[in-house]
């Protein structure tokens, strides 16, 4: 698992990542944050930089649940956590620039 900087599941980087047998759990192919489907794990939700991968000897042993925790909340969390103000860039150094899977 980790920050592999693979923007999309169908691009050449992902193909290279999985070409030797690494697989991501099926529940993480379609990412959700609560009930909302999102496109990625970066704060703008358009790139899947983070991955969880494994060599699948028995892929059915994984839970069929998965998703992300959107602590960013489209920027709303910044105001709630830092009422005196903070830029989005500074916020990424306080929390993270990626949503956890």
PDB file of N, CA and C in Angstrom:
ATOM      1  N   UNK A   1       0.852  -1.160   0.000  1.00  0.00           N
ATOM      2  CA  UNK A   1       0.000   0.000   0.000  1.00  0.00           C
ATOM      3  C   UNK A   1       0.893   1.215   0.000  1.00  0.00           C
ATOM      4  N   UNK A   2       0.367   2.306  -0.502  1.00  0.00           N
ATOM      5  CA  UNK A   2       1.179   3.494  -0.461  1.00  0.00           C
ATOM      6  C   UNK A   2       0.795   4.533  -1.478  1.00  0.00           C
ATOM      7  N   UNK A   3       1.623   5.536  -1.544  1.00  0.00           N
ATOM      8  CA  UNK A   3       1.459   6.701  -2.404  1.00  0.00           C
ATOM      9  C   UNK A   3       2.277   6.441  -3.671  1.00  0.00           C
ATOM     10  N   UNK A   4       1.632   5.849  -4.666  1.00  0.00           N
ATOM     11  CA  UNK A   4       2.345   5.424  -5.862  1.00  0.00           C
ATOM     12  C   UNK A   4       2.256   6.422  -7.011  1.00  0.00           C
ATOM     13  N   UNK A   5       1.499   7.525  -6.814  1.00  0.00           N
ATOM     14  CA  UNK A   5       1.335   8.535  -7.863  1.00  0.00           C
ATOM     15  C   UNK A   5       0.861   7.932  -9.176  1.00  0.00           C
ATOM     16  N   UNK A   6      -0.170   7.107  -9.071  1.00  0.00           N
ATOM     17  CA  UNK A   6      -0.822   6.518 -10.236  1.00  0.00           C
ATOM     18  C   UNK A   6      -2.160   7.242 -10.394  1.00  0.00           C
ATOM     19  N   UNK A   7      -2.275   8.147 -11.365  1.00  0.00           N
ATOM     20  CA  UNK A   7      -3.461   8.991 -11.439  1.00  0.00           C
ATOM     21  C   UNK A   7      -4.768   8.264 -11.780  1.00  0.00           C
ATOM     22  N   UNK A   8      -4.738   7.272 -12.665  1.00  0.00           N
ATOM     23  CA  UNK A   8      -5.980   6.624 -13.107  1.00  0.00           C
ATOM     24  C   UNK A   8      -5.771   5.110 -13.181  1.00  0.00           C
ATOM     25  N   UNK A   9      -6.852   4.362 -12.979  1.00  0.00           N
ATOM     26  CA  UNK A   9      -6.746   2.902 -12.991  1.00  0.00           C
ATOM     27  C   UNK A   9      -6.456   2.329 -14.369  1.00  0.00           C
ATOM     28  N   UNK A  10      -6.756   3.065 -15.426  1.00  0.00           N
ATOM     29  CA  UNK A  10      -6.562   2.505 -16.764  1.00  0.00           C
ATOM     30  C   UNK A  10      -5.345   3.076 -17.494  1.00  0.00           C
ATOM     31  N   UNK A  11      -4.488   3.820 -16.812  1.00  0.00           N
ATOM     32  CA  UNK A  11      -3.344   4.403 -17.517  1.00  0.00           C
ATOM     33  C   UNK A  11      -2.144   3.456 -17.531  1.00  0.00           C
ATOM     34  N   UNK A  12      -1.105   3.853 -18.220  1.00  0.00           N
ATOM     35  CA  UNK A  12       0.066   2.988 -18.395  1.00  0.00           C
ATOM     36  C   UNK A  12       0.789   2.724 -17.074  1.00  0.00           C
ATOM     37  N   UNK A  13       0.788   3.684 -16.154  1.00  0.00           N
ATOM     38  CA  UNK A  13       1.429   3.461 -14.855  1.00  0.00           C
ATOM     39  C   UNK A  13       0.706   2.367 -14.072  1.00  0.00           C
ATOM     40  N   UNK A  14      -0.624   2.397 -14.113  1.00  0.00           N
ATOM     41  CA  UNK A  14      -1.380   1.357 -13.416  1.00  0.00           C
ATOM     42  C   UNK A  14      -1.149   0.003 -14.076  1.00  0.00           C
ATOM     43  N   UNK A  15      -1.086  -0.031 -15.391  1.00  0.00           N
ATOM     44  CA  UNK A  15      -0.816  -1.284 -16.102  1.00  0.00           C
ATOM     45  C   UNK A  15       0.540  -1.843 -15.699  1.00  0.00           C
ATOM     46  N   UNK A  16       1.549  -0.986 -15.585  1.00  0.00           N
ATOM     47  CA  UNK A  16       2.877  -1.446 -15.157  1.00  0.00           C
ATOM     48  C   UNK A  16       2.831  -1.941 -13.715  1.00  0.00           C
ATOM     49  N   UNK A  17       2.083  -1.247 -12.873  1.00  0.00           N
ATOM     50  CA  UNK A  17       1.938  -1.588 -11.453  1.00  0.00           C
ATOM     51  C   UNK A  17       1.313  -2.975 -11.282  1.00  0.00           C
ATOM     52  N   UNK A  18       0.342  -3.307 -12.125  1.00  0.00           N
ATOM     53  CA  UNK A  18      -0.379  -4.572 -11.985  1.00  0.00           C
ATOM     54  C   UNK A  18       0.114  -5.671 -12.933  1.00  0.00           C
ATOM     55  N   UNK A  19       1.063  -5.386 -13.781  1.00  0.00           N
ATOM     56  CA  UNK A  19       1.483  -6.355 -14.793  1.00  0.00           C
ATOM     57  C   UNK A  19       2.160  -7.602 -14.211  1.00  0.00           C
ATOM     58  N   UNK A  20       2.616  -7.530 -12.991  1.00  0.00           N
ATOM     59  CA  UNK A  20       3.283  -8.672 -12.355  1.00  0.00           C
ATOM     60  C   UNK A  20       2.419  -9.359 -11.301  1.00  0.00           C
ATOM     61  N   UNK A  21       1.114  -9.074 -11.325  1.00  0.00           N
ATOM     62  CA  UNK A  21       0.209  -9.787 -10.436  1.00  0.00           C
ATOM     63  C   UNK A  21      -0.360  -8.995  -9.273  1.00  0.00           C
ATOM     64  N   UNK A  22       0.119  -7.774  -9.033  1.00  0.00           N
ATOM     65  CA  UNK A  22      -0.474  -6.975  -7.968  1.00  0.00           C
ATOM     66  C   UNK A  22      -1.913  -6.629  -8.329  1.00  0.00           C
ATOM     67  N   UNK A  23      -2.810  -6.693  -7.360  1.00  0.00           N
ATOM     68  CA  UNK A  23      -4.221  -6.389  -7.579  1.00  0.00           C
ATOM     69  C   UNK A  23      -4.704  -5.465  -6.478  1.00  0.00           C
ATOM     70  N   UNK A  24      -5.688  -4.638  -6.811  1.00  0.00           N
ATOM     71  CA  UNK A  24      -6.337  -3.852  -5.781  1.00  0.00           C
ATOM     72  C   UNK A  24      -7.667  -4.522  -5.453  1.00  0.00           C
ATOM     73  N   UNK A  25      -8.107  -4.458  -4.210  1.00  0.00           N
ATOM     74  CA  UNK A  25      -9.387  -5.070  -3.853  1.00  0.00           C
ATOM     75  C   UNK A  25     -10.526  -4.492  -4.693  1.00  0.00           C
ATOM     76  N   UNK A  26     -11.451  -5.323  -5.123  1.00  0.00           N
ATOM     77  CA  UNK A  26     -12.559  -4.844  -5.961  1.00  0.00           C
ATOM     78  C   UNK A  26     -13.330  -3.670  -5.352  1.00  0.00           C
ATOM     79  N   UNK A  27     -13.460  -3.639  -4.034  1.00  0.00           N
ATOM     80  CA  UNK A  27     -14.201  -2.551  -3.393  1.00  0.00           C
ATOM     81  C   UNK A  27     -13.513  -1.203  -3.536  1.00  0.00           C
ATOM     82  N   UNK A  28     -12.228  -1.192  -3.907  1.00  0.00           N
ATOM     83  CA  UNK A  28     -11.515   0.072  -4.066  1.00  0.00           C
ATOM     84  C   UNK A  28     -11.413   0.512  -5.525  1.00  0.00           C
ATOM     85  N   UNK A  29     -11.984  -0.252  -6.435  1.00  0.00           N
ATOM     86  CA  UNK A  29     -11.994   0.177  -7.840  1.00  0.00           C
ATOM     87  C   UNK A  29     -12.932   1.360  -8.043  1.00  0.00           C
ATOM     88  N   UNK A  30     -14.054   1.348  -7.367  1.00  0.00           N
ATOM     89  CA  UNK A  30     -15.010   2.464  -7.416  1.00  0.00           C
ATOM     90  C   UNK A  30     -14.940   3.133  -6.049  1.00  0.00           C
ATOM     91  N   UNK A  31     -14.274   4.277  -5.968  1.00  0.00           N
ATOM     92  CA  UNK A  31     -14.038   4.925  -4.685  1.00  0.00           C
ATOM     93  C   UNK A  31     -15.253   5.701  -4.206  1.00  0.00           C
ATOM     94  N   UNK A  32     -15.497   5.602  -2.930  1.00  0.00           N
ATOM     95  CA  UNK A  32     -16.571   6.381  -2.320  1.00  0.00           C
ATOM     96  C   UNK A  32     -16.046   7.096  -1.080  1.00  0.00           C
ATOM     97  N   UNK A  33     -16.669   8.214  -0.793  1.00  0.00           N
ATOM     98  CA  UNK A  33     -16.463   8.935   0.458  1.00  0.00           C
ATOM     99  C   UNK A  33     -17.848   9.083   1.050  1.00  0.00           C
ATOM    100  N   UNK A  34     -18.179   8.204   1.967  1.00  0.00           N
ATOM    101  CA  UNK A  34     -19.559   8.124   2.440  1.00  0.00           C
ATOM    102  C   UNK A  34     -20.422   7.601   1.306  1.00  0.00           C
ATOM    103  N   UNK A  35     -21.487   8.300   0.986  1.00  0.00           N
ATOM    104  CA  UNK A  35     -22.382   7.887  -0.100  1.00  0.00           C
ATOM    105  C   UNK A  35     -21.970   8.465  -1.449  1.00  0.00           C
ATOM    106  N   UNK A  36     -20.980   9.337  -1.468  1.00  0.00           N
ATOM    107  CA  UNK A  36     -20.570  10.016  -2.695  1.00  0.00           C
ATOM    108  C   UNK A  36     -19.472   9.241  -3.424  1.00  0.00           C
ATOM    109  N   UNK A  37     -19.644   9.018  -4.719  1.00  0.00           N
ATOM    110  CA  UNK A  37     -18.599   8.413  -5.550  1.00  0.00           C
ATOM    111  C   UNK A  37     -17.617   9.513  -5.918  1.00  0.00           C
ATOM    112  N   UNK A  38     -16.318   9.242  -5.726  1.00  0.00           N
ATOM    113  CA  UNK A  38     -15.298  10.241  -6.044  1.00  0.00           C
ATOM    114  C   UNK A  38     -14.312   9.662  -7.045  1.00  0.00           C
ATOM    115  N   UNK A  39     -13.573  10.531  -7.699  1.00  0.00           N
ATOM    116  CA  UNK A  39     -12.659  10.098  -8.740  1.00  0.00           C
ATOM    117  C   UNK A  39     -11.242   9.860  -8.288  1.00  0.00           C
ATOM    118  N   UNK A  40     -10.904  10.216  -7.055  1.00  0.00           N
ATOM    119  CA  UNK A  40      -9.530  10.036  -6.638  1.00  0.00           C
ATOM    120  C   UNK A  40      -9.298  10.294  -5.176  1.00  0.00           C
ATOM    121  N   UNK A  41      -8.056  10.072  -4.748  1.00  0.00           N
ATOM    122  CA  UNK A  41      -7.686  10.229  -3.345  1.00  0.00           C
ATOM    123  C   UNK A  41      -6.964  11.540  -3.073  1.00  0.00           C
ATOM    124  N   UNK A  42      -6.727  12.344  -4.101  1.00  0.00           N
ATOM    125  CA  UNK A  42      -6.158  13.663  -3.842  1.00  0.00           C
ATOM    126  C   UNK A  42      -7.290  14.593  -3.401  1.00  0.00           C
ATOM    127  N   UNK A  43      -6.951  15.756  -2.859  1.00  0.00           N
ATOM    128  CA  UNK A  43      -7.977  16.630  -2.291  1.00  0.00           C
ATOM    129  C   UNK A  43      -8.972  17.137  -3.324  1.00  0.00           C
ATOM    130  N   UNK A  44      -8.568  17.281  -4.576  1.00  0.00           N
ATOM    131  CA  UNK A  44      -9.526  17.723  -5.596  1.00  0.00           C
ATOM    132  C   UNK A  44     -10.340  16.550  -6.150  1.00  0.00           C
ATOM    133  N   UNK A  45      -9.994  15.322  -5.761  1.00  0.00           N
ATOM    134  CA  UNK A  45     -10.795  14.153  -6.116  1.00  0.00           C
ATOM    135  C   UNK A  45     -10.712  13.723  -7.563  1.00  0.00           C
ATOM    136  N   UNK A  46      -9.601  14.038  -8.239  1.00  0.00           N
ATOM    137  CA  UNK A  46      -9.517  13.677  -9.653  1.00  0.00           C
ATOM    138  C   UNK A  46      -8.333  12.776 -10.002  1.00  0.00           C
ATOM    139  N   UNK A  47      -7.581  12.309  -9.011  1.00  0.00           N
ATOM    140  CA  UNK A  47      -6.455  11.411  -9.272  1.00  0.00           C
ATOM    141  C   UNK A  47      -6.341  10.405  -8.124  1.00  0.00           C
ATOM    142  N   UNK A  48      -6.036   9.174  -8.459  1.00  0.00           N
ATOM    143  CA  UNK A  48      -5.966   8.086  -7.479  1.00  0.00           C
ATOM    144  C   UNK A  48      -4.522   7.805  -7.090  1.00  0.00           C
ATOM    145  N   UNK A  49      -3.884   8.736  -6.447  1.00  0.00           N
ATOM    146  CA  UNK A  49      -2.466   8.567  -6.146  1.00  0.00           C
ATOM    147  C   UNK A  49      -2.204   7.438  -5.152  1.00  0.00           C
ATOM    148  N   UNK A  50      -3.081   7.231  -4.218  1.00  0.00           N
ATOM    149  CA  UNK A  50      -2.876   6.195  -3.206  1.00  0.00           C
ATOM    150  C   UNK A  50      -3.524   4.893  -3.655  1.00  0.00           C
ATOM    151  N   UNK A  51      -2.882   3.804  -3.325  1.00  0.00           N
ATOM    152  CA  UNK A  51      -3.394   2.485  -3.703  1.00  0.00           C
ATOM    153  C   UNK A  51      -3.197   1.512  -2.547  1.00  0.00           C
ATOM    154  N   UNK A  52      -4.018   0.516  -2.508  1.00  0.00           N
ATOM    155  CA  UNK A  52      -3.784  -0.661  -1.667  1.00  0.00           C
ATOM    156  C   UNK A  52      -3.716  -1.822  -2.647  1.00  0.00           C
ATOM    157  N   UNK A  53      -2.609  -2.528  -2.653  1.00  0.00           N
ATOM    158  CA  UNK A  53      -2.425  -3.617  -3.610  1.00  0.00           C
ATOM    159  C   UNK A  53      -1.848  -4.832  -2.899  1.00  0.00           C
ATOM    160  N   UNK A  54      -2.072  -5.984  -3.501  1.00  0.00           N
ATOM    161  CA  UNK A  54      -1.586  -7.233  -2.926  1.00  0.00           C
ATOM    162  C   UNK A  54      -1.441  -8.258  -4.045  1.00  0.00           C
ATOM    163  N   UNK A  55      -0.706  -9.307  -3.755  1.00  0.00           N
ATOM    164  CA  UNK A  55      -0.647 -10.454  -4.663  1.00  0.00           C
ATOM    165  C   UNK A  55      -1.810 -11.353  -4.295  1.00  0.00           C
ATOM    166  N   UNK A  56      -2.791 -11.432  -5.161  1.00  0.00           N
ATOM    167  CA  UNK A  56      -4.076 -12.063  -4.832  1.00  0.00           C
ATOM    168  C   UNK A  56      -4.042 -13.570  -5.022  1.00  0.00           C
ATOM    169  N   UNK A  57      -3.726 -14.300  -3.968  1.00  0.00           N
ATOM    170  CA  UNK A  57      -3.836 -15.756  -4.021  1.00  0.00           C
ATOM    171  C   UNK A  57      -5.298 -16.165  -3.878  1.00  0.00           C
ATOM    172  N   UNK A  58      -6.028 -15.410  -3.073  1.00  0.00           N
ATOM    173  CA  UNK A  58      -7.451 -15.675  -2.877  1.00  0.00           C
ATOM    174  C   UNK A  58      -8.171 -14.329  -2.745  1.00  0.00           C
ATOM    175  N   UNK A  59      -8.468 -13.682  -3.878  1.00  0.00           N
ATOM    176  CA  UNK A  59      -9.036 -12.333  -3.828  1.00  0.00           C
ATOM    177  C   UNK A  59     -10.392 -12.249  -3.149  1.00  0.00           C
ATOM    178  N   UNK A  60     -11.114 -13.348  -3.023  1.00  0.00           N
ATOM    179  CA  UNK A  60     -12.415 -13.321  -2.363  1.00  0.00           C
ATOM    180  C   UNK A  60     -12.317 -13.205  -0.846  1.00  0.00           C
ATOM    181  N   UNK A  61     -11.115 -13.276  -0.304  1.00  0.00           N
ATOM    182  CA  UNK A  61     -10.956 -13.180   1.147  1.00  0.00           C
ATOM    183  C   UNK A  61     -11.012 -11.744   1.639  1.00  0.00           C
ATOM    184  N   UNK A  62     -11.020 -10.768   0.736  1.00  0.00           N
ATOM    185  CA  UNK A  62     -11.106  -9.371   1.137  1.00  0.00           C
ATOM    186  C   UNK A  62     -12.550  -8.979   1.383  1.00  0.00           C
ATOM    187  N   UNK A  63     -12.756  -8.066   2.307  1.00  0.00           N
ATOM    188  CA  UNK A  63     -14.098  -7.525   2.531  1.00  0.00           C
ATOM    189  C   UNK A  63     -14.541  -6.824   1.252  1.00  0.00           C
ATOM    190  N   UNK A  64     -15.789  -6.842   1.017  1.00  0.00           N
ATOM    191  CA  UNK A  64     -16.314  -6.189  -0.186  1.00  0.00           C
ATOM    192  C   UNK A  64     -16.673  -4.733   0.093  1.00  0.00           C
ATOM    193  N   UNK A  65     -16.044  -4.171   1.111  1.00  0.00           N
ATOM    194  CA  UNK A  65     -16.275  -2.786   1.487  1.00  0.00           C
ATOM    195  C   UNK A  65     -14.976  -2.017   1.381  1.00  0.00           C
ATOM    196  N   UNK A  66     -15.066  -0.773   1.058  1.00  0.00           N
ATOM    197  CA  UNK A  66     -13.879   0.063   0.990  1.00  0.00           C
ATOM    198  C   UNK A  66     -14.258   1.454   0.557  1.00  0.00           C
ATOM    199  N   UNK A  67     -13.378   2.381   0.757  1.00  0.00           N
ATOM    200  CA  UNK A  67     -13.636   3.754   0.358  1.00  0.00           C
ATOM    201  C   UNK A  67     -12.589   4.672   0.958  1.00  0.00           C
ATOM    202  N   UNK A  68     -12.937   5.937   1.044  1.00  0.00           N
ATOM    203  CA  UNK A  68     -12.035   6.932   1.597  1.00  0.00           C
ATOM    204  C   UNK A  68     -12.723   7.668   2.736  1.00  0.00           C
ATOM    205  N   UNK A  69     -11.928   8.332   3.533  1.00  0.00           N
ATOM    206  CA  UNK A  69     -12.440   9.212   4.572  1.00  0.00           C
ATOM    207  C   UNK A  69     -12.150  10.629   4.101  1.00  0.00           C
ATOM    208  N   UNK A  70     -13.197  11.387   3.804  1.00  0.00           N
ATOM    209  CA  UNK A  70     -13.013  12.749   3.291  1.00  0.00           C
ATOM    210  C   UNK A  70     -12.947  13.736   4.449  1.00  0.00           C
ATOM    211  N   UNK A  71     -11.764  13.852   5.051  1.00  0.00           N
ATOM    212  CA  UNK A  71     -11.574  14.812   6.134  1.00  0.00           C
ATOM    213  C   UNK A  71     -11.518  16.235   5.594  1.00  0.00           C
ATOM    214  N   UNK A  72     -11.279  16.402   4.304  1.00  0.00           N
ATOM    215  CA  UNK A  72     -11.160  17.719   3.686  1.00  0.00           C
ATOM    216  C   UNK A  72     -12.529  18.358   3.495  1.00  0.00           C
ATOM    217  N   UNK A  73     -13.525  17.574   3.076  1.00  0.00           N
ATOM    218  CA  UNK A  73     -14.886  18.067   2.936  1.00  0.00           C
ATOM    219  C   UNK A  73     -15.020  19.232   1.978  1.00  0.00           C
ATOM    220  N   UNK A  74     -14.240  19.205   0.882  1.00  0.00           N
ATOM    221  CA  UNK A  74     -14.313  20.300  -0.075  1.00  0.00           C
ATOM    222  C   UNK A  74     -13.838  21.619   0.498  1.00  0.00           C
ATOM    223  N   UNK A  75     -13.034  21.586   1.523  1.00  0.00           N
ATOM    224  CA  UNK A  75     -12.512  22.804   2.121  1.00  0.00           C
ATOM    225  C   UNK A  75     -13.277  23.256   3.354  1.00  0.00           C
ATOM    226  N   UNK A  76     -14.460  22.694   3.601  1.00  0.00           N
ATOM    227  CA  UNK A  76     -15.255  23.081   4.783  1.00  0.00           C
ATOM    228  C   UNK A  76     -14.512  22.757   6.070  1.00  0.00           C
ATOM    229  N   UNK A  77     -13.746  21.680   6.060  1.00  0.00           N
ATOM    230  CA  UNK A  77     -13.048  21.263   7.274  1.00  0.00           C
ATOM    231  C   UNK A  77     -12.006  22.285   7.702  1.00  0.00           C
ATOM    232  N   UNK A  78     -11.446  23.019   6.765  1.00  0.00           N
ATOM    233  CA  UNK A  78     -10.440  24.018   7.127  1.00  0.00           C
ATOM    234  C   UNK A  78     -11.039  25.042   8.081  1.00  0.00           C
ATOM    235  N   UNK A  79     -12.221  25.551   7.746  1.00  0.00           N
ATOM    236  CA  UNK A  79     -12.868  26.548   8.604  1.00  0.00           C
ATOM    237  C   UNK A  79     -13.217  25.974   9.964  1.00  0.00           C
ATOM    238  N   UNK A  80     -13.679  24.730   9.977  1.00  0.00           N
ATOM    239  CA  UNK A  80     -14.065  24.115  11.242  1.00  0.00           C
ATOM    240  C   UNK A  80     -12.853  23.839  12.123  1.00  0.00           C
ATOM    241  N   UNK A  81     -11.775  23.348  11.526  1.00  0.00           N
ATOM    242  CA  UNK A  81     -10.589  23.009  12.309  1.00  0.00           C
ATOM    243  C   UNK A  81      -9.732  24.229  12.653  1.00  0.00           C
ATOM    244  N   UNK A  82      -9.720  25.219  11.753  1.00  0.00           N
ATOM    245  CA  UNK A  82      -8.873  26.402  11.927  1.00  0.00           C
ATOM    246  C   UNK A  82      -9.716  27.660  11.714  1.00  0.00           C
ATOM    247  N   UNK A  83     -10.550  28.020  12.683  1.00  0.00           N
ATOM    248  CA  UNK A  83     -11.465  29.147  12.509  1.00  0.00           C
ATOM    249  C   UNK A  83     -10.768  30.485  12.299  1.00  0.00           C
ATOM    250  N   UNK A  84      -9.521  30.607  12.698  1.00  0.00           N
ATOM    251  CA  UNK A  84      -8.796  31.867  12.493  1.00  0.00           C
ATOM    252  C   UNK A  84      -8.263  31.988  11.074  1.00  0.00           C
ATOM    253  N   UNK A  85      -8.446  30.929  10.285  1.00  0.00           N
ATOM    254  CA  UNK A  85      -8.053  30.970   8.881  1.00  0.00           C
ATOM    255  C   UNK A  85      -6.816  30.166   8.560  1.00  0.00           C
ATOM    256  N   UNK A  86      -6.817  29.579   7.362  1.00  0.00           N
ATOM    257  CA  UNK A  86      -5.669  28.828   6.863  1.00  0.00           C
ATOM    258  C   UNK A  86      -5.894  28.600   5.367  1.00  0.00           C
ATOM    259  N   UNK A  87      -4.832  28.685   4.599  1.00  0.00           N
ATOM    260  CA  UNK A  87      -4.949  28.409   3.162  1.00  0.00           C
ATOM    261  C   UNK A  87      -5.037  26.906   2.935  1.00  0.00           C
ATOM    262  N   UNK A  88      -5.548  26.524   1.757  1.00  0.00           N
ATOM    263  CA  UNK A  88      -5.608  25.092   1.423  1.00  0.00           C
ATOM    264  C   UNK A  88      -4.219  24.490   1.408  1.00  0.00           C
ATOM    265  N   UNK A  89      -3.239  25.214   0.864  1.00  0.00           N
ATOM    266  CA  UNK A  89      -1.872  24.696   0.796  1.00  0.00           C
ATOM    267  C   UNK A  89      -1.315  24.457   2.198  1.00  0.00           C
ATOM    268  N   UNK A  90      -1.499  25.412   3.100  1.00  0.00           N
ATOM    269  CA  UNK A  90      -1.014  25.250   4.470  1.00  0.00           C
ATOM    270  C   UNK A  90      -1.736  24.095   5.163  1.00  0.00           C
ATOM    271  N   UNK A  91      -3.015  23.923   4.855  1.00  0.00           N
ATOM    272  CA  UNK A  91      -3.790  22.829   5.439  1.00  0.00           C
ATOM    273  C   UNK A  91      -3.186  21.473   5.109  1.00  0.00           C
ATOM    274  N   UNK A  92      -2.687  21.305   3.883  1.00  0.00           N
ATOM    275  CA  UNK A  92      -2.123  20.017   3.492  1.00  0.00           C
ATOM    276  C   UNK A  92      -0.901  19.657   4.339  1.00  0.00           C
ATOM    277  N   UNK A  93      -0.221  20.662   4.882  1.00  0.00           N
ATOM    278  CA  UNK A  93       0.922  20.380   5.762  1.00  0.00           C
ATOM    279  C   UNK A  93       0.480  20.068   7.183  1.00  0.00           C
ATOM    280  N   UNK A  94      -0.749  20.436   7.538  1.00  0.00           N
ATOM    281  CA  UNK A  94      -1.288  20.123   8.858  1.00  0.00           C
ATOM    282  C   UNK A  94      -1.906  18.737   8.887  1.00  0.00           C
ATOM    283  N   UNK A  95      -2.553  18.367   7.805  1.00  0.00           N
ATOM    284  CA  UNK A  95      -3.257  17.064   7.723  1.00  0.00           C
ATOM    285  C   UNK A  95      -2.547  16.182   6.708  1.00  0.00           C
ATOM    286  N   UNK A  96      -3.011  16.257   5.464  1.00  0.00           N
ATOM    287  CA  UNK A  96      -2.450  15.473   4.368  1.00  0.00           C
ATOM    288  C   UNK A  96      -2.990  16.043   3.067  1.00  0.00           C
ATOM    289  N   UNK A  97      -2.319  15.755   1.970  1.00  0.00           N
ATOM    290  CA  UNK A  97      -2.856  16.163   0.680  1.00  0.00           C
ATOM    291  C   UNK A  97      -3.569  14.997  -0.004  1.00  0.00           C
ATOM    292  N   UNK A  98      -3.754  13.892   0.728  1.00  0.00           N
ATOM    293  CA  UNK A  98      -4.447  12.722   0.197  1.00  0.00           C
ATOM    294  C   UNK A  98      -5.477  12.236   1.203  1.00  0.00           C
ATOM    295  N   UNK A  99      -6.559  11.683   0.683  1.00  0.00           N
ATOM    296  CA  UNK A  99      -7.579  11.080   1.532  1.00  0.00           C
ATOM    297  C   UNK A  99      -7.175   9.646   1.846  1.00  0.00           C
ATOM    298  N   UNK A 100      -7.284   9.204   3.093  1.00  0.00           N
ATOM    299  CA  UNK A 100      -6.911   7.827   3.418  1.00  0.00           C
ATOM    300  C   UNK A 100      -7.913   6.832   2.865  1.00  0.00           C
ATOM    301  N   UNK A 101      -7.411   5.686   2.383  1.00  0.00           N
ATOM    302  CA  UNK A 101      -8.273   4.612   1.898  1.00  0.00           C
ATOM    303  C   UNK A 101      -8.732   3.758   3.047  1.00  0.00           C
TER     304      UNK A 101
END
